[in-house]
């Protein structure tokens, strides 16, 4: 069934058709079961919705009510453009204030993460591959470094009275 036929059935149910067209629709209903089923659905829908509109009353005339809504929508649709004479310092401040806030939050996050989860231990140890028995110990908390050499110095170097050439 096409859209026009459905509208004609709705108009027939509402009593909006002239007498001649109403007789044509009545004859059509006598022949077409699909049209009868649709007319039955429209009647049931009309009964179901009958009581819903009784409690809704507008405080003013319908046209005035909708014109107020239309004016409010148009007022909100107007784009607010930035005034032409805004100084450069104001534009710069609009960019720098949020950027500095983000940088401050990032800095605080880095400081807190260092205190809560230290990235490394307070000391480290290194070994030399040339001489696997010597190693270097760094204590960052105390600021000290210790180099351990496990072999003794040669006697003739240790017994010299002259200053070493290593100085």
N, C-alpha and C. Protein backbone atom coordinates (compact mmCIF):
# COMPACT_ATOMS: atom_id res chain seq x y z
N UNK A 1 0.85 -1.17 0.00
CA UNK A 1 0.00 0.00 0.00
C UNK A 1 0.90 1.23 0.00
N UNK A 2 0.58 2.17 -0.87
CA UNK A 2 1.42 3.36 -0.99
C UNK A 2 1.06 4.39 0.08
N UNK A 3 1.91 5.40 0.16
CA UNK A 3 1.81 6.43 1.19
C UNK A 3 0.51 7.23 1.07
N UNK A 4 0.12 7.57 -0.12
CA UNK A 4 -1.12 8.34 -0.35
C UNK A 4 -2.34 7.57 0.15
N UNK A 5 -2.36 6.26 -0.08
CA UNK A 5 -3.49 5.45 0.38
C UNK A 5 -3.54 5.41 1.90
N UNK A 6 -2.38 5.33 2.54
CA UNK A 6 -2.34 5.34 4.00
C UNK A 6 -2.86 6.66 4.56
N UNK A 7 -2.47 7.78 3.91
CA UNK A 7 -2.96 9.10 4.35
C UNK A 7 -4.46 9.21 4.16
N UNK A 8 -4.97 8.64 3.08
CA UNK A 8 -6.41 8.69 2.82
C UNK A 8 -7.17 7.91 3.90
N UNK A 9 -6.62 6.77 4.33
CA UNK A 9 -7.25 6.01 5.41
C UNK A 9 -7.25 6.80 6.72
N UNK A 10 -6.15 7.48 7.01
CA UNK A 10 -6.07 8.30 8.22
C UNK A 10 -7.09 9.43 8.16
N UNK A 11 -7.21 10.08 7.02
CA UNK A 11 -8.20 11.15 6.87
C UNK A 11 -9.62 10.60 7.00
N UNK A 12 -9.88 9.40 6.49
CA UNK A 12 -11.20 8.76 6.62
C UNK A 12 -11.51 8.50 8.09
N UNK A 13 -10.54 8.01 8.85
CA UNK A 13 -10.73 7.75 10.27
C UNK A 13 -10.99 9.04 11.04
N UNK A 14 -10.31 10.11 10.67
CA UNK A 14 -10.48 11.40 11.36
C UNK A 14 -11.72 12.14 10.91
N UNK A 15 -12.40 11.65 9.85
CA UNK A 15 -13.60 12.32 9.36
C UNK A 15 -13.29 13.57 8.57
N UNK A 16 -12.18 13.62 7.91
CA UNK A 16 -11.74 14.81 7.18
C UNK A 16 -12.01 14.72 5.68
N UNK A 17 -12.56 13.60 5.20
CA UNK A 17 -12.80 13.44 3.76
C UNK A 17 -14.19 13.95 3.38
N UNK A 18 -14.28 14.53 2.16
CA UNK A 18 -15.62 14.90 1.68
C UNK A 18 -16.47 13.63 1.50
N UNK A 19 -17.77 13.81 1.38
CA UNK A 19 -18.70 12.69 1.35
C UNK A 19 -18.43 11.73 0.20
N UNK A 20 -18.10 12.23 -0.96
CA UNK A 20 -17.83 11.38 -2.13
C UNK A 20 -16.60 10.52 -1.92
N UNK A 21 -15.53 11.12 -1.43
CA UNK A 21 -14.30 10.35 -1.20
C UNK A 21 -14.48 9.35 -0.07
N UNK A 22 -15.27 9.72 0.94
CA UNK A 22 -15.52 8.81 2.06
C UNK A 22 -16.22 7.54 1.56
N UNK A 23 -17.19 7.68 0.59
CA UNK A 23 -17.86 6.52 0.04
C UNK A 23 -16.89 5.65 -0.75
N UNK A 24 -15.98 6.27 -1.49
CA UNK A 24 -14.98 5.50 -2.24
C UNK A 24 -14.09 4.69 -1.30
N UNK A 25 -13.68 5.31 -0.17
CA UNK A 25 -12.82 4.61 0.79
C UNK A 25 -13.59 3.47 1.44
N UNK A 26 -14.90 3.68 1.73
CA UNK A 26 -15.71 2.61 2.32
C UNK A 26 -15.82 1.44 1.36
N UNK A 27 -16.01 1.70 0.08
CA UNK A 27 -16.05 0.63 -0.93
C UNK A 27 -14.70 -0.08 -1.02
N UNK A 28 -13.62 0.72 -0.96
CA UNK A 28 -12.27 0.15 -1.01
C UNK A 28 -12.04 -0.77 0.19
N UNK A 29 -12.52 -0.37 1.39
CA UNK A 29 -12.36 -1.17 2.59
C UNK A 29 -13.12 -2.50 2.48
N UNK A 30 -14.26 -2.48 1.75
CA UNK A 30 -15.04 -3.71 1.59
C UNK A 30 -14.29 -4.72 0.74
N UNK A 31 -13.37 -4.27 -0.12
CA UNK A 31 -12.64 -5.16 -1.03
C UNK A 31 -11.25 -5.54 -0.54
N UNK A 32 -10.59 -4.68 0.25
CA UNK A 32 -9.16 -4.85 0.57
C UNK A 32 -8.97 -5.14 2.07
N UNK A 33 -8.50 -6.36 2.39
CA UNK A 33 -8.28 -6.75 3.79
C UNK A 33 -7.07 -6.02 4.40
N UNK A 34 -6.07 -5.71 3.59
CA UNK A 34 -4.91 -4.98 4.10
C UNK A 34 -5.31 -3.59 4.58
N UNK A 35 -6.19 -2.94 3.84
CA UNK A 35 -6.67 -1.61 4.24
C UNK A 35 -7.49 -1.71 5.53
N UNK A 36 -8.28 -2.77 5.68
CA UNK A 36 -9.07 -2.98 6.90
C UNK A 36 -8.15 -3.18 8.09
N UNK A 37 -7.06 -3.96 7.90
CA UNK A 37 -6.11 -4.20 8.99
C UNK A 37 -5.42 -2.90 9.39
N UNK A 38 -5.01 -2.09 8.42
CA UNK A 38 -4.37 -0.81 8.73
C UNK A 38 -5.33 0.13 9.44
N UNK A 39 -6.59 0.16 9.02
CA UNK A 39 -7.59 1.00 9.67
C UNK A 39 -7.79 0.56 11.12
N UNK A 40 -7.77 -0.75 11.37
CA UNK A 40 -7.88 -1.26 12.74
C UNK A 40 -6.69 -0.83 13.60
N UNK A 41 -5.48 -0.90 13.04
CA UNK A 41 -4.29 -0.45 13.77
C UNK A 41 -4.36 1.04 14.08
N UNK A 42 -4.81 1.82 13.12
CA UNK A 42 -4.93 3.27 13.34
C UNK A 42 -5.94 3.57 14.44
N UNK A 43 -7.06 2.83 14.49
CA UNK A 43 -8.06 3.02 15.55
C UNK A 43 -7.48 2.68 16.92
N UNK A 44 -6.74 1.56 16.99
CA UNK A 44 -6.13 1.16 18.26
C UNK A 44 -5.10 2.19 18.73
N UNK A 45 -4.33 2.70 17.80
CA UNK A 45 -3.34 3.74 18.14
C UNK A 45 -4.03 5.00 18.62
N UNK A 46 -5.10 5.36 17.97
CA UNK A 46 -5.87 6.55 18.37
C UNK A 46 -6.42 6.39 19.78
N UNK A 47 -6.94 5.19 20.13
CA UNK A 47 -7.46 4.93 21.47
C UNK A 47 -6.34 4.99 22.51
N UNK A 48 -5.16 4.42 22.16
CA UNK A 48 -4.04 4.39 23.10
C UNK A 48 -3.52 5.79 23.40
N UNK A 49 -3.56 6.67 22.41
CA UNK A 49 -3.02 8.02 22.59
C UNK A 49 -4.07 9.04 23.03
N UNK A 50 -5.31 8.62 23.19
CA UNK A 50 -6.41 9.55 23.44
C UNK A 50 -6.21 10.37 24.72
N UNK A 51 -5.74 9.80 25.79
CA UNK A 51 -5.66 10.53 27.05
C UNK A 51 -4.38 11.29 27.29
N UNK A 52 -3.42 11.18 26.40
CA UNK A 52 -2.12 11.79 26.67
C UNK A 52 -2.08 13.30 26.46
N UNK A 53 -2.88 13.84 25.59
CA UNK A 53 -2.79 15.27 25.29
C UNK A 53 -3.67 16.12 26.19
N UNK A 54 -4.50 15.52 27.01
CA UNK A 54 -5.41 16.30 27.83
C UNK A 54 -4.69 17.16 28.86
N UNK A 55 -3.62 16.66 29.48
CA UNK A 55 -2.94 17.39 30.54
C UNK A 55 -1.96 18.44 30.07
N UNK A 56 -1.68 18.52 28.79
CA UNK A 56 -0.68 19.46 28.29
C UNK A 56 -1.37 20.74 27.82
N UNK A 57 -1.10 21.82 28.52
CA UNK A 57 -1.64 23.13 28.15
C UNK A 57 -0.50 24.14 28.13
N UNK A 58 -0.42 24.90 27.07
CA UNK A 58 0.61 25.93 26.97
C UNK A 58 0.13 27.20 27.66
N UNK A 59 1.04 27.93 28.31
CA UNK A 59 0.63 29.15 29.00
C UNK A 59 0.26 30.29 28.04
N UNK A 60 0.70 30.21 26.79
CA UNK A 60 0.37 31.24 25.80
C UNK A 60 -0.08 30.57 24.51
N UNK A 61 -0.38 31.37 23.53
CA UNK A 61 -0.84 30.83 22.25
C UNK A 61 0.25 29.96 21.62
N UNK A 62 -0.17 28.97 20.85
CA UNK A 62 0.75 28.02 20.25
C UNK A 62 1.79 28.71 19.37
N UNK A 63 1.38 29.64 18.51
CA UNK A 63 2.30 30.32 17.62
C UNK A 63 3.34 31.13 18.40
N UNK A 64 2.88 31.81 19.48
CA UNK A 64 3.80 32.60 20.28
C UNK A 64 4.81 31.70 20.99
N UNK A 65 4.38 30.57 21.50
CA UNK A 65 5.25 29.62 22.19
C UNK A 65 6.36 29.14 21.26
N UNK A 66 6.00 28.71 20.04
CA UNK A 66 7.00 28.23 19.10
C UNK A 66 7.89 29.35 18.57
N UNK A 67 7.37 30.55 18.47
CA UNK A 67 8.21 31.67 18.03
C UNK A 67 9.27 32.00 19.09
N UNK A 68 8.93 31.84 20.37
CA UNK A 68 9.93 32.05 21.43
C UNK A 68 11.05 31.02 21.32
N UNK A 69 10.69 29.77 21.06
CA UNK A 69 11.71 28.73 20.91
C UNK A 69 12.59 29.03 19.70
N UNK A 70 11.99 29.45 18.60
CA UNK A 70 12.75 29.76 17.40
C UNK A 70 13.72 30.92 17.63
N UNK A 71 13.26 31.96 18.32
CA UNK A 71 14.13 33.11 18.61
C UNK A 71 15.31 32.70 19.49
N UNK A 72 15.08 31.81 20.47
CA UNK A 72 16.15 31.37 21.35
C UNK A 72 17.18 30.55 20.58
N UNK A 73 16.72 29.70 19.68
CA UNK A 73 17.64 28.91 18.85
C UNK A 73 18.48 29.84 17.97
N UNK A 74 17.86 30.83 17.35
CA UNK A 74 18.60 31.77 16.51
C UNK A 74 19.60 32.57 17.32
N UNK A 75 19.23 32.94 18.54
CA UNK A 75 20.14 33.70 19.40
C UNK A 75 21.36 32.86 19.75
N UNK A 76 21.16 31.57 20.01
CA UNK A 76 22.29 30.71 20.36
C UNK A 76 23.15 30.34 19.16
N UNK A 77 22.58 30.39 17.96
CA UNK A 77 23.33 30.05 16.76
C UNK A 77 24.28 31.16 16.31
N UNK A 78 24.10 32.37 16.82
CA UNK A 78 24.96 33.47 16.41
C UNK A 78 26.38 33.18 16.90
N UNK A 79 27.33 33.22 15.97
CA UNK A 79 28.71 32.93 16.33
C UNK A 79 29.32 34.13 17.02
N UNK A 80 29.98 33.85 18.11
CA UNK A 80 30.65 34.92 18.85
C UNK A 80 32.09 34.99 18.35
N UNK A 81 32.39 36.03 17.65
CA UNK A 81 33.73 36.19 17.11
C UNK A 81 34.57 37.03 18.06
N UNK A 82 35.87 36.82 17.99
CA UNK A 82 36.79 37.55 18.84
C UNK A 82 36.85 39.00 18.36
N UNK A 83 36.79 39.95 19.28
CA UNK A 83 36.86 41.35 18.86
C UNK A 83 38.15 41.62 18.08
N UNK A 84 38.08 42.58 17.19
CA UNK A 84 39.19 42.87 16.29
C UNK A 84 40.40 43.42 17.04
N UNK A 85 40.20 44.24 18.05
CA UNK A 85 41.31 44.93 18.72
C UNK A 85 41.88 44.22 19.92
N UNK A 86 41.97 42.89 19.92
CA UNK A 86 42.55 42.18 21.05
C UNK A 86 44.06 42.29 21.00
N UNK A 87 44.69 42.78 22.07
CA UNK A 87 46.15 42.94 22.07
C UNK A 87 46.87 41.58 21.99
N UNK A 88 48.08 41.63 21.46
CA UNK A 88 48.89 40.43 21.31
C UNK A 88 49.18 39.79 22.67
N UNK A 89 49.38 40.60 23.70
CA UNK A 89 49.69 40.05 25.03
C UNK A 89 48.54 39.20 25.56
N UNK A 90 47.31 39.60 25.27
CA UNK A 90 46.16 38.82 25.71
C UNK A 90 46.11 37.49 24.97
N UNK A 91 46.35 37.51 23.67
CA UNK A 91 46.37 36.27 22.88
C UNK A 91 47.48 35.34 23.37
N UNK A 92 48.65 35.91 23.66
CA UNK A 92 49.78 35.12 24.15
C UNK A 92 49.46 34.50 25.51
N UNK A 93 48.82 35.27 26.35
CA UNK A 93 48.45 34.77 27.68
C UNK A 93 47.46 33.61 27.57
N UNK A 94 46.57 33.68 26.60
CA UNK A 94 45.59 32.60 26.41
C UNK A 94 46.27 31.29 26.04
N UNK A 95 47.43 31.37 25.42
CA UNK A 95 48.17 30.17 25.04
C UNK A 95 49.11 29.73 26.16
N UNK A 96 49.82 30.70 26.77
CA UNK A 96 50.85 30.35 27.74
C UNK A 96 50.30 29.87 29.08
N UNK A 97 49.17 30.37 29.51
CA UNK A 97 48.64 29.95 30.81
C UNK A 97 48.31 28.46 30.84
N UNK A 98 47.57 27.93 29.87
CA UNK A 98 47.33 26.48 29.91
C UNK A 98 48.61 25.67 29.70
N UNK A 99 49.52 26.16 28.85
CA UNK A 99 50.76 25.44 28.60
C UNK A 99 51.62 25.38 29.87
N UNK A 100 51.67 26.48 30.61
CA UNK A 100 52.46 26.47 31.85
C UNK A 100 51.82 25.59 32.91
N UNK A 101 50.50 25.52 32.93
CA UNK A 101 49.83 24.63 33.87
C UNK A 101 50.16 23.17 33.56
N UNK A 102 50.17 22.82 32.30
CA UNK A 102 50.50 21.44 31.89
C UNK A 102 51.96 21.14 32.25
N UNK A 103 52.86 22.10 32.03
CA UNK A 103 54.27 21.89 32.35
C UNK A 103 54.46 21.73 33.86
N UNK A 104 53.73 22.50 34.66
CA UNK A 104 53.83 22.39 36.11
C UNK A 104 53.34 21.03 36.59
N UNK A 105 52.24 20.57 36.04
CA UNK A 105 51.73 19.25 36.42
C UNK A 105 52.73 18.16 36.02
N UNK A 106 53.34 18.28 34.86
CA UNK A 106 54.33 17.30 34.42
C UNK A 106 55.55 17.32 35.34
N UNK A 107 56.00 18.50 35.75
CA UNK A 107 57.15 18.62 36.64
C UNK A 107 56.86 18.01 38.00
N UNK A 108 55.69 18.29 38.53
CA UNK A 108 55.31 17.71 39.82
C UNK A 108 55.23 16.19 39.71
N UNK A 109 54.69 15.70 38.60
CA UNK A 109 54.61 14.26 38.39
C UNK A 109 55.98 13.61 38.33
N UNK A 110 56.94 14.27 37.69
CA UNK A 110 58.29 13.72 37.61
C UNK A 110 58.95 13.70 38.99
N UNK A 111 58.74 14.76 39.77
CA UNK A 111 59.34 14.82 41.11
C UNK A 111 58.75 13.74 41.99
N UNK A 112 57.45 13.60 41.97
CA UNK A 112 56.79 12.59 42.80
C UNK A 112 57.20 11.19 42.38
N UNK A 113 57.31 10.94 41.08
CA UNK A 113 57.68 9.60 40.62
C UNK A 113 59.13 9.27 41.01
N UNK A 114 60.00 10.25 41.06
CA UNK A 114 61.39 10.00 41.47
C UNK A 114 61.43 9.63 42.95
N UNK A 115 60.60 10.27 43.77
CA UNK A 115 60.61 9.99 45.20
C UNK A 115 59.95 8.65 45.51
N UNK A 116 58.90 8.33 44.80
CA UNK A 116 58.18 7.09 45.09
C UNK A 116 58.90 5.89 44.48
N UNK A 117 59.24 6.00 43.20
CA UNK A 117 59.90 4.89 42.49
C UNK A 117 61.25 5.37 41.98
N UNK A 118 62.30 5.21 42.74
CA UNK A 118 63.60 5.65 42.24
C UNK A 118 64.01 4.85 41.01
N UNK A 119 64.62 5.57 40.06
CA UNK A 119 64.95 4.94 38.78
C UNK A 119 66.10 3.96 38.91
N UNK A 120 66.93 4.09 39.90
CA UNK A 120 68.06 3.18 40.08
C UNK A 120 68.40 3.12 41.54
N UNK A 121 69.39 2.32 41.86
CA UNK A 121 69.79 2.23 43.25
C UNK A 121 70.70 3.40 43.60
N UNK A 122 71.01 3.54 44.89
CA UNK A 122 71.83 4.65 45.36
C UNK A 122 73.31 4.40 45.10
N UNK A 123 73.67 3.25 44.59
CA UNK A 123 75.06 2.94 44.31
C UNK A 123 75.15 2.07 43.06
N UNK A 124 76.35 2.01 42.50
CA UNK A 124 76.57 1.13 41.36
C UNK A 124 77.99 0.57 41.44
N UNK A 125 78.17 -0.53 40.76
CA UNK A 125 79.47 -1.19 40.75
C UNK A 125 79.87 -1.45 39.31
N UNK A 126 81.16 -1.18 39.00
CA UNK A 126 81.67 -1.44 37.67
C UNK A 126 82.87 -2.35 37.77
N UNK A 127 83.02 -3.22 36.80
CA UNK A 127 84.23 -4.03 36.73
C UNK A 127 84.92 -3.75 35.42
N UNK A 128 86.21 -3.86 35.42
CA UNK A 128 87.00 -3.63 34.22
C UNK A 128 87.24 -4.96 33.53
N UNK A 129 87.16 -4.99 32.22
CA UNK A 129 87.39 -6.23 31.49
C UNK A 129 88.88 -6.53 31.34
N UNK A 130 89.70 -5.50 31.36
CA UNK A 130 91.15 -5.75 31.24
C UNK A 130 91.68 -6.45 32.49
N UNK A 131 91.21 -5.97 33.62
CA UNK A 131 91.65 -6.55 34.88
C UNK A 131 90.39 -6.92 35.64
N UNK A 132 89.99 -8.17 35.56
CA UNK A 132 88.70 -8.57 36.10
C UNK A 132 88.67 -8.58 37.62
N UNK A 133 89.82 -8.46 38.27
CA UNK A 133 89.82 -8.45 39.73
C UNK A 133 89.64 -7.05 40.30
N UNK A 134 89.77 -6.01 39.51
CA UNK A 134 89.57 -4.66 40.03
C UNK A 134 88.15 -4.21 39.70
N UNK A 135 87.59 -3.35 40.55
CA UNK A 135 86.26 -2.82 40.28
C UNK A 135 86.13 -1.44 40.89
N UNK A 136 85.13 -0.71 40.44
CA UNK A 136 84.86 0.64 40.91
C UNK A 136 83.47 0.67 41.56
N UNK A 137 83.39 1.28 42.73
CA UNK A 137 82.13 1.37 43.47
C UNK A 137 81.76 2.83 43.59
N UNK A 138 80.54 3.20 43.15
CA UNK A 138 80.04 4.57 43.25
C UNK A 138 78.88 4.58 44.24
N UNK A 139 78.96 5.42 45.24
CA UNK A 139 77.85 5.61 46.18
C UNK A 139 77.32 7.03 45.96
N UNK A 140 76.21 7.12 45.21
CA UNK A 140 75.68 8.43 44.83
C UNK A 140 75.06 9.16 46.01
N UNK A 141 74.52 8.44 46.95
CA UNK A 141 73.91 9.08 48.11
C UNK A 141 74.96 9.80 48.95
N UNK A 142 76.13 9.20 49.10
CA UNK A 142 77.19 9.80 49.89
C UNK A 142 78.17 10.61 49.05
N UNK A 143 78.10 10.45 47.75
CA UNK A 143 78.99 11.18 46.86
C UNK A 143 80.42 10.66 46.88
N UNK A 144 80.60 9.37 47.04
CA UNK A 144 81.95 8.81 47.10
C UNK A 144 82.15 7.77 46.01
N UNK A 145 83.43 7.60 45.65
CA UNK A 145 83.83 6.60 44.65
C UNK A 145 85.02 5.84 45.21
N UNK A 146 84.97 4.53 45.11
CA UNK A 146 86.06 3.68 45.60
C UNK A 146 86.52 2.80 44.46
N UNK A 147 87.84 2.78 44.20
CA UNK A 147 88.41 1.91 43.18
C UNK A 147 89.22 0.85 43.92
N UNK A 148 88.89 -0.42 43.69
CA UNK A 148 89.56 -1.51 44.38
C UNK A 148 90.51 -2.21 43.42
N UNK A 149 91.76 -2.24 43.84
CA UNK A 149 92.79 -2.94 43.08
C UNK A 149 93.30 -4.08 43.97
N UNK A 150 93.08 -5.32 43.62
CA UNK A 150 93.40 -6.42 44.53
C UNK A 150 94.88 -6.81 44.58
N UNK A 151 95.72 -6.40 43.65
CA UNK A 151 97.11 -6.82 43.66
C UNK A 151 97.97 -5.75 44.34
N UNK A 152 99.05 -6.14 45.03
CA UNK A 152 99.92 -5.16 45.72
C UNK A 152 100.85 -4.46 44.73
N UNK A 153 101.28 -3.29 45.10
CA UNK A 153 102.22 -2.56 44.26
C UNK A 153 103.58 -3.25 44.31
N UNK A 154 104.38 -3.07 43.26
CA UNK A 154 105.70 -3.69 43.25
C UNK A 154 106.57 -3.03 44.31
N UNK A 155 107.47 -3.80 44.89
CA UNK A 155 108.29 -3.32 46.00
C UNK A 155 109.17 -2.16 45.62
N UNK A 156 109.86 -2.20 44.48
CA UNK A 156 110.78 -1.13 44.14
C UNK A 156 110.03 0.17 43.89
N UNK A 157 108.76 0.13 43.44
CA UNK A 157 107.98 1.34 43.24
C UNK A 157 107.48 1.86 44.58
N UNK A 158 107.11 0.97 45.46
CA UNK A 158 106.56 1.38 46.75
C UNK A 158 107.67 1.91 47.69
N UNK A 159 108.91 1.46 47.50
CA UNK A 159 109.97 1.88 48.39
C UNK A 159 110.67 3.14 47.95
N UNK A 160 110.37 3.65 46.78
CA UNK A 160 111.03 4.85 46.30
C UNK A 160 110.74 6.03 47.19
N UNK A 161 111.75 6.91 47.37
CA UNK A 161 111.60 8.11 48.16
C UNK A 161 111.22 9.29 47.26
N UNK A 162 111.51 9.15 45.98
CA UNK A 162 111.20 10.23 45.05
C UNK A 162 109.71 10.24 44.74
N UNK A 163 109.20 11.40 44.40
CA UNK A 163 107.78 11.44 44.05
C UNK A 163 107.48 10.64 42.79
N UNK A 164 106.33 10.09 42.76
CA UNK A 164 105.92 9.24 41.66
C UNK A 164 105.69 10.08 40.41
N UNK A 165 105.88 9.48 39.28
CA UNK A 165 105.64 10.19 38.02
C UNK A 165 104.15 10.23 37.67
N UNK A 166 103.35 9.56 38.43
CA UNK A 166 101.92 9.51 38.16
C UNK A 166 101.19 10.77 38.62
N UNK A 167 101.82 11.57 39.42
CA UNK A 167 101.14 12.75 39.95
C UNK A 167 100.93 13.82 38.92
